[in-house]
Amino acid sequence: MIEAVENHMPQVIVIDEIGREQEAAAARTIAERGVQLVGTAHGISLENLLINPTYPIWWVGSRA
């Protein structure tokens, strides 16, 4: 994913089913480079996602 951002300079990246720590780290790096990020993560509940250490708190929410 990071290589795609470096080579193509997209404005938005959509990531489906972020589930591993490496994917979360890559998404975080992409977001820090100013690319808008839309991603999904699966969990039993919102609380389940919030306590999962793979997903930092900035995953939850939206920006208009």
PDB file of N, CA and C in Angstrom:
ATOM      1  N   MET A   1       0.828  -1.201   0.000  1.00  0.00           N
ATOM      2  CA  MET A   1       0.000   0.000   0.000  1.00  0.00           C
ATOM      3  C   MET A   1       0.864   1.253   0.000  1.00  0.00           C
ATOM      4  N   ILE A   2       1.893   1.257   0.811  1.00  0.00           N
ATOM      5  CA  ILE A   2       2.756   2.438   0.904  1.00  0.00           C
ATOM      6  C   ILE A   2       3.435   2.699  -0.440  1.00  0.00           C
ATOM      7  N   GLU A   3       3.864   1.647  -1.114  1.00  0.00           N
ATOM      8  CA  GLU A   3       4.490   1.799  -2.422  1.00  0.00           C
ATOM      9  C   GLU A   3       3.518   2.400  -3.437  1.00  0.00           C
ATOM     10  N   ALA A   4       2.260   1.997  -3.373  1.00  0.00           N
ATOM     11  CA  ALA A   4       1.250   2.565  -4.271  1.00  0.00           C
ATOM     12  C   ALA A   4       1.103   4.064  -4.039  1.00  0.00           C
ATOM     13  N   VAL A   5       1.137   4.483  -2.778  1.00  0.00           N
ATOM     14  CA  VAL A   5       1.030   5.910  -2.456  1.00  0.00           C
ATOM     15  C   VAL A   5       2.247   6.660  -2.980  1.00  0.00           C
ATOM     16  N   GLU A   6       3.422   6.080  -2.788  1.00  0.00           N
ATOM     17  CA  GLU A   6       4.648   6.741  -3.255  1.00  0.00           C
ATOM     18  C   GLU A   6       4.690   6.864  -4.773  1.00  0.00           C
ATOM     19  N   ASN A   7       4.222   5.828  -5.476  1.00  0.00           N
ATOM     20  CA  ASN A   7       4.322   5.812  -6.941  1.00  0.00           C
ATOM     21  C   ASN A   7       3.185   6.526  -7.657  1.00  0.00           C
ATOM     22  N   HIS A   8       2.005   6.588  -7.044  1.00  0.00           N
ATOM     23  CA  HIS A   8       0.843   7.103  -7.759  1.00  0.00           C
ATOM     24  C   HIS A   8       0.225   8.345  -7.140  1.00  0.00           C
ATOM     25  N   MET A   9       0.607   8.707  -5.934  1.00  0.00           N
ATOM     26  CA  MET A   9       0.131   9.895  -5.226  1.00  0.00           C
ATOM     27  C   MET A   9      -1.393  10.045  -5.276  1.00  0.00           C
ATOM     28  N   PRO A  10      -2.136   9.061  -4.784  1.00  0.00           N
ATOM     29  CA  PRO A  10      -3.606   9.158  -4.791  1.00  0.00           C
ATOM     30  C   PRO A  10      -4.109  10.163  -3.765  1.00  0.00           C
ATOM     31  N   GLN A  11      -5.326  10.634  -3.962  1.00  0.00           N
ATOM     32  CA  GLN A  11      -5.951  11.526  -2.986  1.00  0.00           C
ATOM     33  C   GLN A  11      -6.676  10.720  -1.916  1.00  0.00           C
ATOM     34  N   VAL A  12      -7.200   9.551  -2.296  1.00  0.00           N
ATOM     35  CA  VAL A  12      -7.977   8.706  -1.382  1.00  0.00           C
ATOM     36  C   VAL A  12      -7.571   7.249  -1.597  1.00  0.00           C
ATOM     37  N   ILE A  13      -7.496   6.508  -0.505  1.00  0.00           N
ATOM     38  CA  ILE A  13      -7.284   5.061  -0.572  1.00  0.00           C
ATOM     39  C   ILE A  13      -8.381   4.396   0.243  1.00  0.00           C
ATOM     40  N   VAL A  14      -8.963   3.330  -0.320  1.00  0.00           N
ATOM     41  CA  VAL A  14      -9.986   2.553   0.373  1.00  0.00           C
ATOM     42  C   VAL A  14      -9.382   1.187   0.688  1.00  0.00           C
ATOM     43  N   ILE A  15      -9.447   0.811   1.958  1.00  0.00           N
ATOM     44  CA  ILE A  15      -8.894  -0.467   2.396  1.00  0.00           C
ATOM     45  C   ILE A  15     -10.023  -1.279   3.023  1.00  0.00           C
ATOM     46  N   ASP A  16     -10.216  -2.471   2.525  1.00  0.00           N
ATOM     47  CA  ASP A  16     -11.265  -3.355   3.048  1.00  0.00           C
ATOM     48  C   ASP A  16     -10.655  -4.341   4.033  1.00  0.00           C
ATOM     49  N   GLU A  17     -11.298  -4.481   5.165  1.00  0.00           N
ATOM     50  CA  GLU A  17     -10.945  -5.462   6.190  1.00  0.00           C
ATOM     51  C   GLU A  17      -9.511  -5.343   6.693  1.00  0.00           C
ATOM     52  N   ILE A  18      -9.215  -4.253   7.326  1.00  0.00           N
ATOM     53  CA  ILE A  18      -7.919  -4.103   7.997  1.00  0.00           C
ATOM     54  C   ILE A  18      -7.971  -4.994   9.231  1.00  0.00           C
ATOM     55  N   GLY A  19      -7.092  -5.969   9.296  1.00  0.00           N
ATOM     56  CA  GLY A  19      -7.180  -6.921  10.386  1.00  0.00           C
ATOM     57  C   GLY A  19      -5.861  -7.256  11.048  1.00  0.00           C
ATOM     58  N   ARG A  20      -4.769  -7.037  10.360  1.00  0.00           N
ATOM     59  CA  ARG A  20      -3.466  -7.361  10.934  1.00  0.00           C
ATOM     60  C   ARG A  20      -2.735  -6.095  11.335  1.00  0.00           C
ATOM     61  N   GLU A  21      -1.822  -6.253  12.254  1.00  0.00           N
ATOM     62  CA  GLU A  21      -1.065  -5.109  12.745  1.00  0.00           C
ATOM     63  C   GLU A  21      -0.286  -4.423  11.621  1.00  0.00           C
ATOM     64  N   GLN A  22       0.243  -5.210  10.677  1.00  0.00           N
ATOM     65  CA  GLN A  22       1.001  -4.635   9.562  1.00  0.00           C
ATOM     66  C   GLN A  22       0.108  -3.771   8.678  1.00  0.00           C
ATOM     67  N   GLU A  23      -1.127  -4.211   8.468  1.00  0.00           N
ATOM     68  CA  GLU A  23      -2.071  -3.430   7.661  1.00  0.00           C
ATOM     69  C   GLU A  23      -2.428  -2.131   8.364  1.00  0.00           C
ATOM     70  N   ALA A  24      -2.637  -2.205   9.666  1.00  0.00           N
ATOM     71  CA  ALA A  24      -2.959  -1.003  10.436  1.00  0.00           C
ATOM     72  C   ALA A  24      -1.795  -0.020  10.406  1.00  0.00           C
ATOM     73  N   ALA A  25      -0.571  -0.528  10.524  1.00  0.00           N
ATOM     74  CA  ALA A  25       0.616   0.343  10.488  1.00  0.00           C
ATOM     75  C   ALA A  25       0.758   1.000   9.118  1.00  0.00           C
ATOM     76  N   ALA A  26       0.524   0.242   8.042  1.00  0.00           N
ATOM     77  CA  ALA A  26       0.603   0.810   6.695  1.00  0.00           C
ATOM     78  C   ALA A  26      -0.469   1.882   6.507  1.00  0.00           C
ATOM     79  N   ALA A  27      -1.682   1.618   6.984  1.00  0.00           N
ATOM     80  CA  ALA A  27      -2.759   2.605   6.873  1.00  0.00           C
ATOM     81  C   ALA A  27      -2.414   3.872   7.648  1.00  0.00           C
ATOM     82  N   ARG A  28      -1.837   3.703   8.816  1.00  0.00           N
ATOM     83  CA  ARG A  28      -1.439   4.861   9.629  1.00  0.00           C
ATOM     84  C   ARG A  28      -0.395   5.694   8.883  1.00  0.00           C
ATOM     85  N   THR A  29       0.586   5.031   8.267  1.00  0.00           N
ATOM     86  CA  THR A  29       1.619   5.731   7.496  1.00  0.00           C
ATOM     87  C   THR A  29       1.011   6.489   6.326  1.00  0.00           C
ATOM     88  N   ILE A  30       0.081   5.857   5.632  1.00  0.00           N
ATOM     89  CA  ILE A  30      -0.591   6.503   4.502  1.00  0.00           C
ATOM     90  C   ILE A  30      -1.346   7.743   4.966  1.00  0.00           C
ATOM     91  N   ALA A  31      -2.073   7.630   6.050  1.00  0.00           N
ATOM     92  CA  ALA A  31      -2.836   8.762   6.576  1.00  0.00           C
ATOM     93  C   ALA A  31      -1.906   9.904   6.979  1.00  0.00           C
ATOM     94  N   GLU A  32      -0.762   9.570   7.530  1.00  0.00           N
ATOM     95  CA  GLU A  32       0.207  10.601   7.940  1.00  0.00           C
ATOM     96  C   GLU A  32       0.791  11.334   6.743  1.00  0.00           C
ATOM     97  N   ARG A  33       0.701  10.765   5.562  1.00  0.00           N
ATOM     98  CA  ARG A  33       1.203  11.404   4.339  1.00  0.00           C
ATOM     99  C   ARG A  33       0.154  12.292   3.688  1.00  0.00           C
ATOM    100  N   GLY A  34      -0.983  12.444   4.332  1.00  0.00           N
ATOM    101  CA  GLY A  34      -2.004  13.353   3.841  1.00  0.00           C
ATOM    102  C   GLY A  34      -3.020  12.733   2.903  1.00  0.00           C
ATOM    103  N   VAL A  35      -2.967  11.433   2.723  1.00  0.00           N
ATOM    104  CA  VAL A  35      -3.934  10.759   1.865  1.00  0.00           C
ATOM    105  C   VAL A  35      -5.174  10.452   2.697  1.00  0.00           C
ATOM    106  N   GLN A  36      -6.348  10.774   2.171  1.00  0.00           N
ATOM    107  CA  GLN A  36      -7.582  10.423   2.881  1.00  0.00           C
ATOM    108  C   GLN A  36      -7.745   8.918   2.845  1.00  0.00           C
ATOM    109  N   LEU A  37      -8.152   8.368   3.965  1.00  0.00           N
ATOM    110  CA  LEU A  37      -8.226   6.931   4.110  1.00  0.00           C
ATOM    111  C   LEU A  37      -9.624   6.517   4.528  1.00  0.00           C
ATOM    112  N   VAL A  38     -10.175   5.537   3.810  1.00  0.00           N
ATOM    113  CA  VAL A  38     -11.453   4.928   4.169  1.00  0.00           C
ATOM    114  C   VAL A  38     -11.155   3.446   4.362  1.00  0.00           C
ATOM    115  N   GLY A  39     -11.484   2.926   5.543  1.00  0.00           N
ATOM    116  CA  GLY A  39     -11.179   1.530   5.798  1.00  0.00           C
ATOM    117  C   GLY A  39     -12.266   0.861   6.608  1.00  0.00           C
ATOM    118  N   THR A  40     -12.298  -0.463   6.517  1.00  0.00           N
ATOM    119  CA  THR A  40     -13.235  -1.228   7.325  1.00  0.00           C
ATOM    120  C   THR A  40     -12.456  -2.164   8.239  1.00  0.00           C
ATOM    121  N   ALA A  41     -13.062  -2.442   9.364  1.00  0.00           N
ATOM    122  CA  ALA A  41     -12.514  -3.416  10.306  1.00  0.00           C
ATOM    123  C   ALA A  41     -13.697  -4.146  10.916  1.00  0.00           C
ATOM    124  N   HIS A  42     -13.568  -5.437  11.065  1.00  0.00           N
ATOM    125  CA  HIS A  42     -14.676  -6.232  11.561  1.00  0.00           C
ATOM    126  C   HIS A  42     -14.510  -6.527  13.046  1.00  0.00           C
ATOM    127  N   GLY A  43     -15.613  -6.464  13.761  1.00  0.00           N
ATOM    128  CA  GLY A  43     -15.623  -6.784  15.172  1.00  0.00           C
ATOM    129  C   GLY A  43     -17.032  -7.113  15.615  1.00  0.00           C
ATOM    130  N   ILE A  44     -17.138  -7.689  16.772  1.00  0.00           N
ATOM    131  CA  ILE A  44     -18.440  -8.051  17.312  1.00  0.00           C
ATOM    132  C   ILE A  44     -19.243  -6.806  17.662  1.00  0.00           C
ATOM    133  N   SER A  45     -18.543  -5.773  18.153  1.00  0.00           N
ATOM    134  CA  SER A  45     -19.202  -4.525  18.543  1.00  0.00           C
ATOM    135  C   SER A  45     -18.187  -3.390  18.447  1.00  0.00           C
ATOM    136  N   LEU A  46     -18.655  -2.169  18.556  1.00  0.00           N
ATOM    137  CA  LEU A  46     -17.759  -1.025  18.573  1.00  0.00           C
ATOM    138  C   LEU A  46     -16.800  -1.132  19.753  1.00  0.00           C
ATOM    139  N   GLU A  47     -17.306  -1.560  20.887  1.00  0.00           N
ATOM    140  CA  GLU A  47     -16.451  -1.733  22.073  1.00  0.00           C
ATOM    141  C   GLU A  47     -15.333  -2.736  21.786  1.00  0.00           C
ATOM    142  N   ASN A  48     -15.659  -3.802  21.088  1.00  0.00           N
ATOM    143  CA  ASN A  48     -14.677  -4.810  20.723  1.00  0.00           C
ATOM    144  C   ASN A  48     -13.555  -4.199  19.882  1.00  0.00           C
ATOM    145  N   LEU A  49     -13.910  -3.330  18.952  1.00  0.00           N
ATOM    146  CA  LEU A  49     -12.897  -2.663  18.127  1.00  0.00           C
ATOM    147  C   LEU A  49     -12.057  -1.687  18.937  1.00  0.00           C
ATOM    148  N   LEU A  50     -12.698  -0.984  19.871  1.00  0.00           N
ATOM    149  CA  LEU A  50     -11.976   0.005  20.668  1.00  0.00           C
ATOM    150  C   LEU A  50     -10.940  -0.619  21.586  1.00  0.00           C
ATOM    151  N   ILE A  51     -11.191  -1.833  22.064  1.00  0.00           N
ATOM    152  CA  ILE A  51     -10.227  -2.456  22.968  1.00  0.00           C
ATOM    153  C   ILE A  51      -9.184  -3.286  22.231  1.00  0.00           C
ATOM    154  N   ASN A  52      -9.356  -3.472  20.929  1.00  0.00           N
ATOM    155  CA  ASN A  52      -8.398  -4.235  20.139  1.00  0.00           C
ATOM    156  C   ASN A  52      -7.153  -3.371  19.904  1.00  0.00           C
ATOM    157  N   PRO A  53      -5.974  -3.805  20.364  1.00  0.00           N
ATOM    158  CA  PRO A  53      -4.763  -2.981  20.228  1.00  0.00           C
ATOM    159  C   PRO A  53      -4.303  -2.778  18.792  1.00  0.00           C
ATOM    160  N   THR A  54      -4.813  -3.571  17.860  1.00  0.00           N
ATOM    161  CA  THR A  54      -4.448  -3.396  16.454  1.00  0.00           C
ATOM    162  C   THR A  54      -5.006  -2.096  15.889  1.00  0.00           C
ATOM    163  N   TYR A  55      -6.178  -1.691  16.393  1.00  0.00           N
ATOM    164  CA  TYR A  55      -6.850  -0.509  15.863  1.00  0.00           C
ATOM    165  C   TYR A  55      -6.677   0.669  16.809  1.00  0.00           C
ATOM    166  N   PRO A  56      -5.904   1.658  16.425  1.00  0.00           N
ATOM    167  CA  PRO A  56      -5.781   2.853  17.277  1.00  0.00           C
ATOM    168  C   PRO A  56      -7.106   3.625  17.303  1.00  0.00           C
ATOM    169  N   ILE A  57      -7.267   4.464  18.277  1.00  0.00           N
ATOM    170  CA  ILE A  57      -8.526   5.201  18.484  1.00  0.00           C
ATOM    171  C   ILE A  57      -8.898   6.056  17.275  1.00  0.00           C
ATOM    172  N   TRP A  58      -7.945   6.487  16.475  1.00  0.00           N
ATOM    173  CA  TRP A  58      -8.294   7.360  15.345  1.00  0.00           C
ATOM    174  C   TRP A  58      -9.047   6.622  14.251  1.00  0.00           C
ATOM    175  N   TRP A  59      -9.158   5.296  14.335  1.00  0.00           N
ATOM    176  CA  TRP A  59      -9.944   4.574  13.353  1.00  0.00           C
ATOM    177  C   TRP A  59     -11.428   4.896  13.478  1.00  0.00           C
ATOM    178  N   VAL A  60     -11.845   5.197  14.677  1.00  0.00           N
ATOM    179  CA  VAL A  60     -13.278   5.364  14.943  1.00  0.00           C
ATOM    180  C   VAL A  60     -13.656   6.823  14.757  1.00  0.00           C
ATOM    181  N   GLY A  61     -14.592   7.083  13.888  1.00  0.00           N
ATOM    182  CA  GLY A  61     -15.039   8.456  13.673  1.00  0.00           C
ATOM    183  C   GLY A  61     -15.076   8.784  12.196  1.00  0.00           C
ATOM    184  N   SER A  62     -15.405  10.012  11.927  1.00  0.00           N
ATOM    185  CA  SER A  62     -15.449  10.443  10.547  1.00  0.00           C
ATOM    186  C   SER A  62     -15.034  11.891  10.466  1.00  0.00           C
ATOM    187  N   ARG A  63     -14.648  12.283   9.282  1.00  0.00           N
ATOM    188  CA  ARG A  63     -14.259  13.672   9.047  1.00  0.00           C
ATOM    189  C   ARG A  63     -14.980  14.148   7.798  1.00  0.00           C
ATOM    190  N   ALA A  64     -15.679  15.237   7.914  1.00  0.00           N
ATOM    191  CA  ALA A  64     -16.432  15.757   6.772  1.00  0.00           C
ATOM    192  C   ALA A  64     -15.540  16.620   5.891  1.00  0.00           C
TER     193      ALA A  64
END
